[in-house]
Structures are given as C-alpha cells and as structure tokens.
Amino acid sequence: MKGLRIKGIGIGIKRLPWKVALVLYAVLIFWLSSRPIPEGPTTLLRYDEFWHFFEYLLFGLLVWKASLPKSRKGLLLALSLSLSYAGSDELHQLFVPTRTASFQDWLLDGLGIGSGLLLGRFGFGGLHPRTFRV
C-alpha cells in the first residue's frame, strides 16, 4: 500500500510508527497540561519557558518524522497544524485549576515547533537539499 498524498506531505504506511509516536506524545502533552500546578514555593529560576520550548521542539521533530514534508507548502502545513495543536493546548489550560493560557507560552511552543521542524529538515534524517522543493 503506497498511501495517500496530500500536497507535499507523505501519509504513507511506512511512517506509521512515527505517526503513532506523535499521537502518543500529543496525548502526553495534553495529559500533563491537564494536571493542576502543585502549590508551593516558587524557585528563582523559571523552568516553564524551557519546558514549553523543549516539549514542542520534540513535537515538531515528531511531526517532521511522521509527515516528512517534501515542499514548502507541506512544511507550512505541518507548521500550521502544529501551531494549532499548541494553541488548543493553551486554550484547554483555561479550564484547568491553577493553570492559565498564555500568548507567550504559545510563542515559545511555536519556536520549539519551528526548531524541531528545522532539526528534522537539516539534522536528523532530513532530505537532501536537492530533493526538497522550495
């Protein structure tokens, strides 16, 4: 089975393990953000920004491996869908006690997603520059 093609994104069966990993990771992010923040003393160093960036960097890398965009349109579609997921996660936190939605957090998520997609593109198993249509 070759799989379905959607303008620049591979939806083939070969990427199934990456797709499963992406879905499981998305569920993990949702579950973690569903938990109230425990009350207690705050630290001088805020790790929240780091975790927003890092968790979505991994998300972006998984999106790359699951879809392997083959064009600029495919890459923009992967980025748009990932940003939409990050935004929905921020909105969902409005309904969780002790959590809030933050535009700054969404921007950090977006930076992580973009970094993950770029890391996939140029770092870990990315396409050769001549095979990526810009």
N, C-alpha and C. Protein backbone atom coordinates (compact mmCIF):
# COMPACT_ATOMS: atom_id res chain seq x y z
N MET A 1 0.85 -1.17 0.00
CA MET A 1 0.00 0.00 0.00
C MET A 1 0.89 1.23 0.00
N LYS A 2 0.76 2.05 -1.01
CA LYS A 2 1.59 3.24 -1.14
C LYS A 2 1.20 4.33 -0.18
N GLY A 3 -0.06 4.53 0.05
CA GLY A 3 -0.51 5.60 0.94
C GLY A 3 -1.07 6.77 0.16
N LEU A 4 -1.68 7.64 0.87
CA LEU A 4 -2.33 8.81 0.31
C LEU A 4 -1.34 9.97 0.25
N ARG A 5 -1.46 10.82 -0.76
CA ARG A 5 -0.60 12.00 -0.86
C ARG A 5 -1.45 13.25 -0.71
N ILE A 6 -1.04 14.15 0.15
CA ILE A 6 -1.71 15.44 0.30
C ILE A 6 -0.67 16.51 0.05
N LYS A 7 -0.74 17.16 -1.07
CA LYS A 7 0.13 18.27 -1.47
C LYS A 7 1.36 18.47 -0.60
N GLY A 8 2.36 17.67 -0.80
CA GLY A 8 3.64 17.89 -0.15
C GLY A 8 3.86 17.17 1.17
N ILE A 9 2.87 16.39 1.62
CA ILE A 9 3.05 15.64 2.87
C ILE A 9 2.79 14.17 2.59
N GLY A 10 3.70 13.33 3.03
CA GLY A 10 3.52 11.89 2.87
C GLY A 10 2.62 11.33 3.96
N ILE A 11 1.59 10.57 3.58
CA ILE A 11 0.68 9.97 4.55
C ILE A 11 0.82 8.45 4.46
N GLY A 12 1.95 7.97 3.97
CA GLY A 12 2.14 6.55 3.73
C GLY A 12 2.26 5.70 4.98
N ILE A 13 2.12 4.40 4.79
CA ILE A 13 2.14 3.43 5.88
C ILE A 13 3.54 3.29 6.49
N LYS A 14 4.58 3.62 5.71
CA LYS A 14 5.95 3.49 6.21
C LYS A 14 6.21 4.39 7.42
N ARG A 15 5.47 5.44 7.51
CA ARG A 15 5.65 6.40 8.61
C ARG A 15 4.77 6.09 9.81
N LEU A 16 4.07 4.95 9.78
CA LEU A 16 3.12 4.61 10.85
C LEU A 16 3.73 4.65 12.25
N PRO A 17 4.91 4.08 12.49
CA PRO A 17 5.48 4.15 13.84
C PRO A 17 5.68 5.59 14.32
N TRP A 18 6.10 6.47 13.40
CA TRP A 18 6.28 7.88 13.77
C TRP A 18 4.94 8.55 14.04
N LYS A 19 3.93 8.17 13.28
CA LYS A 19 2.59 8.74 13.50
C LYS A 19 2.03 8.31 14.85
N VAL A 20 2.24 7.05 15.19
CA VAL A 20 1.78 6.55 16.49
C VAL A 20 2.53 7.29 17.61
N ALA A 21 3.84 7.45 17.45
CA ALA A 21 4.64 8.17 18.45
C ALA A 21 4.15 9.61 18.59
N LEU A 22 3.82 10.25 17.48
CA LEU A 22 3.32 11.63 17.51
C LEU A 22 1.99 11.72 18.25
N VAL A 23 1.08 10.81 17.96
CA VAL A 23 -0.23 10.83 18.63
C VAL A 23 -0.06 10.57 20.13
N LEU A 24 0.77 9.60 20.48
CA LEU A 24 1.00 9.32 21.90
C LEU A 24 1.64 10.51 22.62
N TYR A 25 2.56 11.17 21.94
CA TYR A 25 3.21 12.33 22.54
C TYR A 25 2.21 13.49 22.69
N ALA A 26 1.33 13.67 21.70
CA ALA A 26 0.30 14.71 21.81
C ALA A 26 -0.63 14.42 22.99
N VAL A 27 -0.97 13.16 23.19
CA VAL A 27 -1.80 12.77 24.33
C VAL A 27 -1.05 13.05 25.64
N LEU A 28 0.24 12.75 25.67
CA LEU A 28 1.05 13.02 26.87
C LEU A 28 1.07 14.52 27.19
N ILE A 29 1.28 15.35 26.17
CA ILE A 29 1.27 16.80 26.39
C ILE A 29 -0.07 17.24 26.96
N PHE A 30 -1.16 16.75 26.36
CA PHE A 30 -2.50 17.12 26.82
C PHE A 30 -2.70 16.68 28.27
N TRP A 31 -2.29 15.46 28.58
CA TRP A 31 -2.45 14.94 29.95
C TRP A 31 -1.64 15.77 30.95
N LEU A 32 -0.39 16.07 30.60
CA LEU A 32 0.45 16.86 31.50
C LEU A 32 -0.14 18.25 31.73
N SER A 33 -0.68 18.85 30.68
CA SER A 33 -1.25 20.19 30.84
C SER A 33 -2.63 20.15 31.48
N SER A 34 -3.20 18.97 31.68
CA SER A 34 -4.48 18.82 32.37
C SER A 34 -4.31 18.76 33.87
N ARG A 35 -3.10 18.59 34.31
CA ARG A 35 -2.84 18.45 35.75
C ARG A 35 -2.63 19.84 36.36
N PRO A 36 -3.29 20.09 37.48
CA PRO A 36 -3.07 21.38 38.15
C PRO A 36 -1.62 21.52 38.60
N ILE A 37 -1.14 22.74 38.62
CA ILE A 37 0.22 23.01 39.09
C ILE A 37 0.20 22.91 40.61
N PRO A 38 1.06 22.08 41.21
CA PRO A 38 1.06 21.96 42.67
C PRO A 38 1.45 23.29 43.32
N GLU A 39 0.78 23.59 44.42
CA GLU A 39 1.11 24.81 45.15
C GLU A 39 2.39 24.58 45.94
N GLY A 40 3.15 25.62 46.10
CA GLY A 40 4.39 25.52 46.85
C GLY A 40 5.26 26.71 46.53
N PRO A 41 6.45 26.71 47.11
CA PRO A 41 7.34 27.85 46.87
C PRO A 41 7.82 27.87 45.42
N THR A 42 7.96 29.05 44.87
CA THR A 42 8.47 29.18 43.51
C THR A 42 9.99 29.31 43.58
N THR A 43 10.64 28.89 42.55
CA THR A 43 12.10 28.98 42.51
C THR A 43 12.50 30.27 41.82
N LEU A 44 13.74 30.66 42.01
CA LEU A 44 14.23 31.87 41.36
C LEU A 44 14.33 31.67 39.86
N LEU A 45 14.74 30.50 39.45
CA LEU A 45 14.84 30.20 38.02
C LEU A 45 13.54 29.59 37.54
N ARG A 46 13.01 30.13 36.48
CA ARG A 46 11.76 29.60 35.92
C ARG A 46 12.11 28.59 34.83
N TYR A 47 11.65 27.39 35.02
CA TYR A 47 11.91 26.34 34.03
C TYR A 47 10.75 26.21 33.06
N ASP A 48 9.65 26.89 33.31
CA ASP A 48 8.46 26.78 32.48
C ASP A 48 8.77 27.11 31.02
N GLU A 49 9.52 28.18 30.79
CA GLU A 49 9.85 28.57 29.42
C GLU A 49 10.66 27.49 28.71
N PHE A 50 11.62 26.93 29.43
CA PHE A 50 12.44 25.87 28.86
C PHE A 50 11.58 24.68 28.45
N TRP A 51 10.66 24.27 29.35
CA TRP A 51 9.85 23.09 29.06
C TRP A 51 8.89 23.33 27.90
N HIS A 52 8.33 24.54 27.81
CA HIS A 52 7.46 24.84 26.67
C HIS A 52 8.24 24.68 25.37
N PHE A 53 9.43 25.25 25.33
CA PHE A 53 10.25 25.17 24.12
C PHE A 53 10.63 23.72 23.83
N PHE A 54 11.15 23.02 24.84
CA PHE A 54 11.67 21.67 24.64
C PHE A 54 10.58 20.68 24.26
N GLU A 55 9.42 20.72 24.95
CA GLU A 55 8.39 19.73 24.65
C GLU A 55 7.86 19.91 23.23
N TYR A 56 7.80 21.15 22.75
CA TYR A 56 7.32 21.36 21.40
C TYR A 56 8.42 21.24 20.35
N LEU A 57 9.68 21.35 20.74
CA LEU A 57 10.77 21.00 19.82
C LEU A 57 10.65 19.52 19.48
N LEU A 58 10.46 18.69 20.50
CA LEU A 58 10.28 17.26 20.27
C LEU A 58 9.01 17.01 19.45
N PHE A 59 7.95 17.75 19.73
CA PHE A 59 6.71 17.62 18.97
C PHE A 59 6.97 17.94 17.49
N GLY A 60 7.67 19.04 17.22
CA GLY A 60 7.99 19.42 15.84
C GLY A 60 8.83 18.38 15.14
N LEU A 61 9.78 17.81 15.85
CA LEU A 61 10.62 16.75 15.27
C LEU A 61 9.78 15.52 14.94
N LEU A 62 8.86 15.16 15.83
CA LEU A 62 7.97 14.03 15.55
C LEU A 62 7.04 14.32 14.38
N VAL A 63 6.57 15.55 14.28
CA VAL A 63 5.73 15.93 13.13
C VAL A 63 6.54 15.76 11.84
N TRP A 64 7.79 16.18 11.87
CA TRP A 64 8.65 16.03 10.69
C TRP A 64 8.79 14.55 10.32
N LYS A 65 9.12 13.73 11.30
CA LYS A 65 9.34 12.31 11.02
C LYS A 65 8.05 11.61 10.59
N ALA A 66 6.91 12.06 11.12
CA ALA A 66 5.63 11.42 10.79
C ALA A 66 5.13 11.83 9.41
N SER A 67 5.43 13.06 8.99
CA SER A 67 4.87 13.54 7.72
C SER A 67 5.90 13.69 6.62
N LEU A 68 7.14 13.93 6.97
CA LEU A 68 8.23 14.16 6.02
C LEU A 68 7.80 15.08 4.88
N PRO A 69 7.57 16.36 5.18
CA PRO A 69 7.14 17.29 4.14
C PRO A 69 8.14 17.35 3.00
N LYS A 70 7.64 17.39 1.77
CA LYS A 70 8.52 17.37 0.61
C LYS A 70 8.54 18.71 -0.14
N SER A 71 7.85 19.70 0.38
CA SER A 71 7.82 21.00 -0.27
C SER A 71 7.60 22.08 0.78
N ARG A 72 7.72 23.32 0.36
CA ARG A 72 7.47 24.44 1.27
C ARG A 72 6.03 24.42 1.76
N LYS A 73 5.09 24.09 0.86
CA LYS A 73 3.68 24.01 1.25
C LYS A 73 3.47 22.94 2.32
N GLY A 74 4.10 21.80 2.13
CA GLY A 74 3.99 20.73 3.11
C GLY A 74 4.56 21.12 4.46
N LEU A 75 5.69 21.83 4.41
CA LEU A 75 6.31 22.29 5.65
C LEU A 75 5.43 23.31 6.35
N LEU A 76 4.84 24.23 5.59
CA LEU A 76 3.95 25.24 6.17
C LEU A 76 2.68 24.59 6.73
N LEU A 77 2.19 23.56 6.06
CA LEU A 77 1.02 22.84 6.57
C LEU A 77 1.36 22.15 7.89
N ALA A 78 2.51 21.50 7.95
CA ALA A 78 2.94 20.84 9.19
C ALA A 78 3.10 21.86 10.31
N LEU A 79 3.68 23.01 9.99
CA LEU A 79 3.85 24.07 10.98
C LEU A 79 2.50 24.61 11.45
N SER A 80 1.59 24.85 10.51
CA SER A 80 0.26 25.38 10.85
C SER A 80 -0.52 24.43 11.74
N LEU A 81 -0.52 23.16 11.39
CA LEU A 81 -1.25 22.18 12.20
C LEU A 81 -0.64 22.05 13.59
N SER A 82 0.68 22.10 13.66
CA SER A 82 1.35 22.01 14.96
C SER A 82 1.06 23.23 15.83
N LEU A 83 1.08 24.41 15.22
CA LEU A 83 0.75 25.63 15.97
C LEU A 83 -0.70 25.61 16.44
N SER A 84 -1.58 25.04 15.62
CA SER A 84 -2.98 24.92 16.02
C SER A 84 -3.11 24.00 17.23
N TYR A 85 -2.38 22.90 17.23
CA TYR A 85 -2.42 22.00 18.38
C TYR A 85 -1.90 22.71 19.63
N ALA A 86 -0.79 23.42 19.49
CA ALA A 86 -0.22 24.14 20.64
C ALA A 86 -1.21 25.18 21.16
N GLY A 87 -1.89 25.87 20.25
CA GLY A 87 -2.89 26.85 20.65
C GLY A 87 -4.07 26.22 21.36
N SER A 88 -4.50 25.07 20.86
CA SER A 88 -5.63 24.38 21.51
C SER A 88 -5.23 23.90 22.91
N ASP A 89 -3.97 23.51 23.06
CA ASP A 89 -3.49 23.10 24.38
C ASP A 89 -3.47 24.29 25.35
N GLU A 90 -3.05 25.44 24.86
CA GLU A 90 -3.07 26.64 25.72
C GLU A 90 -4.50 26.99 26.11
N LEU A 91 -5.43 26.95 25.17
CA LEU A 91 -6.83 27.25 25.48
C LEU A 91 -7.41 26.25 26.48
N HIS A 92 -7.05 25.00 26.31
CA HIS A 92 -7.53 23.95 27.21
C HIS A 92 -7.09 24.23 28.65
N GLN A 93 -5.93 24.85 28.82
CA GLN A 93 -5.43 25.14 30.17
C GLN A 93 -6.27 26.19 30.90
N LEU A 94 -7.10 26.93 30.16
CA LEU A 94 -8.02 27.89 30.81
C LEU A 94 -9.00 27.18 31.73
N PHE A 95 -9.26 25.92 31.46
CA PHE A 95 -10.25 25.16 32.22
C PHE A 95 -9.63 24.26 33.29
N VAL A 96 -8.32 24.39 33.48
CA VAL A 96 -7.61 23.58 34.47
C VAL A 96 -7.28 24.46 35.67
N PRO A 97 -7.68 24.04 36.88
CA PRO A 97 -7.38 24.84 38.07
C PRO A 97 -5.87 25.09 38.21
N THR A 98 -5.51 26.26 38.58
CA THR A 98 -4.14 26.75 38.79
C THR A 98 -3.35 26.95 37.50
N ARG A 99 -3.96 26.75 36.36
CA ARG A 99 -3.27 26.98 35.08
C ARG A 99 -3.91 28.14 34.35
N THR A 100 -3.15 28.72 33.43
CA THR A 100 -3.66 29.81 32.60
C THR A 100 -3.17 29.61 31.18
N ALA A 101 -3.86 30.24 30.25
CA ALA A 101 -3.39 30.27 28.87
C ALA A 101 -2.52 31.51 28.70
N SER A 102 -1.46 31.38 27.94
CA SER A 102 -0.54 32.50 27.78
C SER A 102 -0.08 32.59 26.33
N PHE A 103 -0.17 33.79 25.76
CA PHE A 103 0.33 34.01 24.41
C PHE A 103 1.84 33.78 24.36
N GLN A 104 2.55 34.17 25.42
CA GLN A 104 3.99 33.96 25.49
C GLN A 104 4.32 32.46 25.44
N ASP A 105 3.56 31.65 26.16
CA ASP A 105 3.78 30.21 26.13
C ASP A 105 3.55 29.67 24.73
N TRP A 106 2.51 30.16 24.05
CA TRP A 106 2.22 29.71 22.69
C TRP A 106 3.36 30.10 21.75
N LEU A 107 3.92 31.30 21.93
CA LEU A 107 5.06 31.71 21.11
C LEU A 107 6.27 30.80 21.36
N LEU A 108 6.51 30.45 22.62
CA LEU A 108 7.60 29.53 22.93
C LEU A 108 7.34 28.15 22.33
N ASP A 109 6.07 27.72 22.38
CA ASP A 109 5.71 26.46 21.73
C ASP A 109 6.03 26.53 20.23
N GLY A 110 5.67 27.66 19.62
CA GLY A 110 5.92 27.85 18.19
C GLY A 110 7.40 27.85 17.85
N LEU A 111 8.21 28.48 18.70
CA LEU A 111 9.66 28.45 18.49
C LEU A 111 10.19 27.02 18.59
N GLY A 112 9.66 26.27 19.54
CA GLY A 112 10.06 24.87 19.67
C GLY A 112 9.66 24.05 18.45
N ILE A 113 8.42 24.25 17.99
CA ILE A 113 7.93 23.53 16.81
C ILE A 113 8.80 23.85 15.60
N GLY A 114 9.03 25.14 15.37
CA GLY A 114 9.87 25.54 14.23
C GLY A 114 11.26 24.96 14.32
N SER A 115 11.83 24.97 15.52
CA SER A 115 13.17 24.40 15.71
C SER A 115 13.16 22.89 15.46
N GLY A 116 12.11 22.21 15.92
CA GLY A 116 12.01 20.77 15.68
C GLY A 116 11.88 20.44 14.21
N LEU A 117 11.08 21.22 13.49
CA LEU A 117 10.94 21.00 12.05
C LEU A 117 12.26 21.27 11.33
N LEU A 118 12.95 22.32 11.72
CA LEU A 118 14.25 22.61 11.11
C LEU A 118 15.28 21.54 11.46
N LEU A 119 15.24 21.07 12.68
CA LEU A 119 16.15 20.00 13.09
C LEU A 119 15.87 18.74 12.27
N GLY A 120 14.60 18.44 12.06
CA GLY A 120 14.26 17.30 11.21
C GLY A 120 14.72 17.50 9.78
N ARG A 121 14.55 18.71 9.29
CA ARG A 121 14.90 19.02 7.90
C ARG A 121 16.40 18.96 7.66
N PHE A 122 17.16 19.57 8.55
CA PHE A 122 18.60 19.69 8.31
C PHE A 122 19.46 18.81 9.20
N GLY A 123 18.87 18.23 10.23
CA GLY A 123 19.68 17.48 11.18
C GLY A 123 19.51 15.99 11.09
N PHE A 124 18.42 15.50 11.66
CA PHE A 124 18.21 14.06 11.80
C PHE A 124 17.43 13.49 10.63
N GLY A 125 18.11 12.92 9.69
CA GLY A 125 17.45 12.23 8.60
C GLY A 125 16.65 13.12 7.68
N GLY A 126 17.05 14.37 7.57
CA GLY A 126 16.35 15.28 6.66
C GLY A 126 16.62 14.91 5.22
N LEU A 127 15.84 15.46 4.34
CA LEU A 127 16.02 15.20 2.93
C LEU A 127 17.28 15.90 2.44
N HIS A 128 17.86 15.35 1.42
CA HIS A 128 18.99 16.01 0.79
C HIS A 128 18.48 17.33 0.21
N PRO A 129 19.26 18.41 0.31
CA PRO A 129 18.79 19.72 -0.15
C PRO A 129 18.25 19.72 -1.57
N ARG A 130 18.77 18.87 -2.44
CA ARG A 130 18.29 18.88 -3.83
C ARG A 130 16.93 18.22 -3.98
N THR A 131 16.49 17.42 -3.01
CA THR A 131 15.20 16.75 -3.14
C THR A 131 14.07 17.54 -2.50
N PHE A 132 14.39 18.61 -1.80
CA PHE A 132 13.37 19.43 -1.13
C PHE A 132 13.04 20.60 -2.04
N ARG A 133 11.80 20.63 -2.54
CA ARG A 133 11.38 21.69 -3.46
C ARG A 133 11.02 22.94 -2.66
N VAL A 134 11.70 24.03 -2.94
CA VAL A 134 11.43 25.29 -2.23
C VAL A 134 10.62 26.22 -3.09
